[in-house]
Amino acid sequence: MKADTHPDYHMITVKMTDGTEFQTRSTWGSEGDTLTLEIDPTSHPAWTGGNQRLLQEGGRVAQFNKRFGGLSLKKK
């Protein structure tokens, strides 16, 4: 195995968006640095379930027919 092929693995502090902090090992930064997160599982809609779009009135075809159902290619 070659020497010096792996990055330095050290302890850092991770600060969540709600202000909580925890210690973990990482290759990011240097020993004792603080990683401040802008998005984390406590604030992101993918984990919190917020802002979901639901189609209340049928599927995509029903929505299309509702908008464009009166259009026709026939001459009057």
N, C-alpha and C. Protein backbone atom coordinates (compact mmCIF):
# COMPACT_ATOMS: atom_id res chain seq x y z
N MET A 1 0.84 -1.18 0.00
CA MET A 1 0.00 0.00 0.00
C MET A 1 0.88 1.24 0.00
N LYS A 2 0.55 2.21 -0.84
CA LYS A 2 1.34 3.42 -0.93
C LYS A 2 1.13 4.30 0.29
N ALA A 3 2.18 4.96 0.70
CA ALA A 3 2.08 5.90 1.83
C ALA A 3 1.54 7.23 1.33
N ASP A 4 0.85 7.95 2.21
CA ASP A 4 0.32 9.29 1.94
C ASP A 4 -0.69 9.34 0.79
N THR A 5 -1.48 8.29 0.59
CA THR A 5 -2.50 8.33 -0.45
C THR A 5 -3.86 8.70 0.10
N HIS A 6 -4.05 8.57 1.41
CA HIS A 6 -5.34 8.88 2.02
C HIS A 6 -5.32 10.28 2.61
N PRO A 7 -6.47 11.00 2.53
CA PRO A 7 -6.52 12.34 3.12
C PRO A 7 -6.49 12.27 4.65
N ASP A 8 -6.17 13.39 5.27
CA ASP A 8 -6.14 13.49 6.74
C ASP A 8 -7.57 13.37 7.27
N TYR A 9 -7.78 12.46 8.20
CA TYR A 9 -9.08 12.18 8.80
C TYR A 9 -9.03 12.67 10.24
N HIS A 10 -9.84 13.69 10.59
CA HIS A 10 -9.73 14.36 11.88
C HIS A 10 -11.11 14.74 12.42
N MET A 11 -11.16 15.25 13.66
CA MET A 11 -12.41 15.65 14.30
C MET A 11 -12.77 17.09 13.91
N ILE A 12 -14.05 17.31 13.52
CA ILE A 12 -14.58 18.65 13.25
C ILE A 12 -15.90 18.81 14.00
N THR A 13 -16.40 20.03 14.08
CA THR A 13 -17.70 20.31 14.67
C THR A 13 -18.65 20.70 13.55
N VAL A 14 -19.84 20.10 13.52
CA VAL A 14 -20.87 20.43 12.53
C VAL A 14 -21.96 21.21 13.23
N LYS A 15 -22.28 22.41 12.70
CA LYS A 15 -23.32 23.26 13.28
C LYS A 15 -24.54 23.23 12.37
N MET A 16 -25.67 22.73 12.90
CA MET A 16 -26.91 22.61 12.14
C MET A 16 -27.59 23.98 12.03
N THR A 17 -28.66 24.07 11.20
CA THR A 17 -29.36 25.34 11.00
C THR A 17 -30.10 25.80 12.25
N ASP A 18 -30.47 24.85 13.12
CA ASP A 18 -31.19 25.23 14.34
C ASP A 18 -30.24 25.58 15.49
N GLY A 19 -28.93 25.56 15.24
CA GLY A 19 -27.95 25.95 16.24
C GLY A 19 -27.31 24.81 17.00
N THR A 20 -27.86 23.60 16.87
CA THR A 20 -27.24 22.47 17.55
C THR A 20 -25.92 22.11 16.89
N GLU A 21 -25.03 21.55 17.68
CA GLU A 21 -23.71 21.18 17.18
C GLU A 21 -23.40 19.75 17.59
N PHE A 22 -22.59 19.09 16.76
CA PHE A 22 -22.10 17.76 17.13
C PHE A 22 -20.71 17.57 16.53
N GLN A 23 -19.96 16.65 17.11
CA GLN A 23 -18.60 16.37 16.67
C GLN A 23 -18.62 15.11 15.81
N THR A 24 -17.84 15.12 14.74
CA THR A 24 -17.71 13.96 13.88
C THR A 24 -16.33 13.95 13.25
N ARG A 25 -15.98 12.83 12.67
CA ARG A 25 -14.70 12.73 11.97
C ARG A 25 -14.93 13.00 10.50
N SER A 26 -14.01 13.72 9.86
CA SER A 26 -14.18 14.11 8.47
C SER A 26 -12.84 14.41 7.82
N THR A 27 -12.84 14.48 6.49
CA THR A 27 -11.67 14.94 5.75
C THR A 27 -11.80 16.42 5.39
N TRP A 28 -12.96 17.03 5.71
CA TRP A 28 -13.20 18.44 5.40
C TRP A 28 -12.40 19.32 6.35
N GLY A 29 -11.83 20.40 5.86
CA GLY A 29 -11.14 21.38 6.70
C GLY A 29 -9.94 20.81 7.42
N SER A 30 -9.72 21.33 8.61
CA SER A 30 -8.61 20.83 9.43
C SER A 30 -9.12 20.58 10.84
N GLU A 31 -8.28 20.00 11.69
CA GLU A 31 -8.65 19.63 13.06
C GLU A 31 -9.27 20.82 13.80
N GLY A 32 -10.48 20.62 14.35
CA GLY A 32 -11.14 21.64 15.17
C GLY A 32 -11.97 22.65 14.41
N ASP A 33 -12.01 22.59 13.07
CA ASP A 33 -12.83 23.53 12.29
C ASP A 33 -14.32 23.28 12.54
N THR A 34 -15.15 24.31 12.25
CA THR A 34 -16.60 24.20 12.39
C THR A 34 -17.23 24.31 11.01
N LEU A 35 -18.01 23.30 10.63
CA LEU A 35 -18.74 23.29 9.37
C LEU A 35 -20.16 23.77 9.66
N THR A 36 -20.55 24.93 9.12
CA THR A 36 -21.88 25.49 9.33
C THR A 36 -22.75 25.12 8.14
N LEU A 37 -23.84 24.39 8.39
CA LEU A 37 -24.73 23.93 7.33
C LEU A 37 -25.77 24.99 7.00
N GLU A 38 -26.08 25.14 5.69
CA GLU A 38 -27.15 26.02 5.25
C GLU A 38 -28.46 25.25 5.12
N ILE A 39 -28.37 23.97 4.78
CA ILE A 39 -29.53 23.10 4.64
C ILE A 39 -29.20 21.80 5.35
N ASP A 40 -30.14 21.30 6.15
CA ASP A 40 -29.94 20.03 6.84
C ASP A 40 -31.29 19.31 6.98
N PRO A 41 -31.30 18.10 7.50
CA PRO A 41 -32.56 17.35 7.58
C PRO A 41 -33.65 18.02 8.43
N THR A 42 -33.32 18.97 9.28
CA THR A 42 -34.35 19.63 10.08
C THR A 42 -35.03 20.77 9.33
N SER A 43 -34.46 21.20 8.18
CA SER A 43 -35.03 22.35 7.49
C SER A 43 -35.38 22.09 6.02
N HIS A 44 -34.91 21.02 5.42
CA HIS A 44 -35.12 20.78 4.00
C HIS A 44 -36.47 20.09 3.75
N PRO A 45 -37.25 20.55 2.77
CA PRO A 45 -38.57 19.97 2.50
C PRO A 45 -38.55 18.49 2.16
N ALA A 46 -37.45 17.99 1.61
CA ALA A 46 -37.39 16.57 1.28
C ALA A 46 -37.49 15.71 2.52
N TRP A 47 -37.02 16.20 3.65
CA TRP A 47 -37.06 15.44 4.90
C TRP A 47 -38.23 15.86 5.79
N THR A 48 -38.68 17.10 5.68
CA THR A 48 -39.75 17.57 6.55
C THR A 48 -41.13 17.36 5.95
N GLY A 49 -41.21 17.10 4.63
CA GLY A 49 -42.49 16.84 3.98
C GLY A 49 -43.25 18.09 3.61
N GLY A 50 -42.62 19.24 3.61
CA GLY A 50 -43.30 20.48 3.28
C GLY A 50 -43.36 20.76 1.79
N ASN A 51 -44.28 21.61 1.40
CA ASN A 51 -44.42 22.11 0.03
C ASN A 51 -44.60 21.01 -1.00
N GLN A 52 -45.44 20.03 -0.71
CA GLN A 52 -45.70 18.98 -1.68
C GLN A 52 -46.85 19.40 -2.57
N ARG A 53 -46.67 19.17 -3.87
CA ARG A 53 -47.73 19.46 -4.83
C ARG A 53 -48.57 18.21 -5.04
N LEU A 54 -49.85 18.31 -4.79
CA LEU A 54 -50.75 17.20 -5.00
C LEU A 54 -51.79 17.59 -6.04
N LEU A 55 -52.05 16.69 -6.97
CA LEU A 55 -53.09 16.95 -7.97
C LEU A 55 -54.41 16.51 -7.36
N GLN A 56 -55.24 17.47 -7.03
CA GLN A 56 -56.49 17.19 -6.32
C GLN A 56 -57.59 16.66 -7.25
N GLU A 57 -57.57 17.08 -8.51
CA GLU A 57 -58.67 16.75 -9.41
C GLU A 57 -58.19 15.87 -10.55
N GLY A 58 -57.99 14.61 -10.30
CA GLY A 58 -57.59 13.68 -11.34
C GLY A 58 -56.12 13.76 -11.68
N GLY A 59 -55.76 13.07 -12.74
CA GLY A 59 -54.37 13.02 -13.17
C GLY A 59 -54.04 14.10 -14.17
N ARG A 60 -52.94 13.89 -14.88
CA ARG A 60 -52.47 14.88 -15.86
C ARG A 60 -53.44 15.00 -17.05
N VAL A 61 -53.99 13.89 -17.50
CA VAL A 61 -54.91 13.93 -18.64
C VAL A 61 -56.18 14.69 -18.27
N ALA A 62 -56.69 14.46 -17.08
CA ALA A 62 -57.89 15.16 -16.63
C ALA A 62 -57.62 16.66 -16.52
N GLN A 63 -56.45 17.02 -16.07
CA GLN A 63 -56.09 18.43 -15.96
C GLN A 63 -55.98 19.07 -17.35
N PHE A 64 -55.39 18.33 -18.32
CA PHE A 64 -55.30 18.82 -19.69
C PHE A 64 -56.68 19.03 -20.29
N ASN A 65 -57.55 18.01 -20.13
CA ASN A 65 -58.90 18.11 -20.68
C ASN A 65 -59.68 19.25 -20.04
N LYS A 66 -59.45 19.53 -18.79
CA LYS A 66 -60.13 20.64 -18.12
C LYS A 66 -59.71 21.97 -18.74
N ARG A 67 -58.43 22.10 -19.07
CA ARG A 67 -57.95 23.36 -19.64
C ARG A 67 -58.28 23.50 -21.12
N PHE A 68 -58.13 22.41 -21.89
CA PHE A 68 -58.23 22.50 -23.34
C PHE A 68 -59.35 21.64 -23.92
N GLY A 69 -60.28 21.20 -23.13
CA GLY A 69 -61.35 20.31 -23.59
C GLY A 69 -62.27 20.93 -24.63
N GLY A 70 -62.42 22.24 -24.63
CA GLY A 70 -63.33 22.90 -25.56
C GLY A 70 -62.70 23.17 -26.92
N LEU A 71 -61.42 22.95 -27.09
CA LEU A 71 -60.77 23.21 -28.38
C LEU A 71 -61.06 22.08 -29.36
N SER A 72 -61.19 22.42 -30.61
CA SER A 72 -61.47 21.42 -31.64
C SER A 72 -60.79 21.83 -32.92
N LEU A 73 -60.39 20.84 -33.73
CA LEU A 73 -59.78 21.12 -35.03
C LEU A 73 -60.80 21.17 -36.14
N LYS A 74 -62.05 20.84 -35.86
CA LYS A 74 -63.12 20.85 -36.87
C LYS A 74 -63.50 22.28 -37.23
N LYS A 75 -63.82 22.47 -38.55
CA LYS A 75 -64.31 23.78 -38.98
C LYS A 75 -65.79 23.88 -38.69
N LYS A 76 -66.22 25.06 -38.33
CA LYS A 76 -67.63 25.27 -38.00
C LYS A 76 -68.42 25.67 -39.20
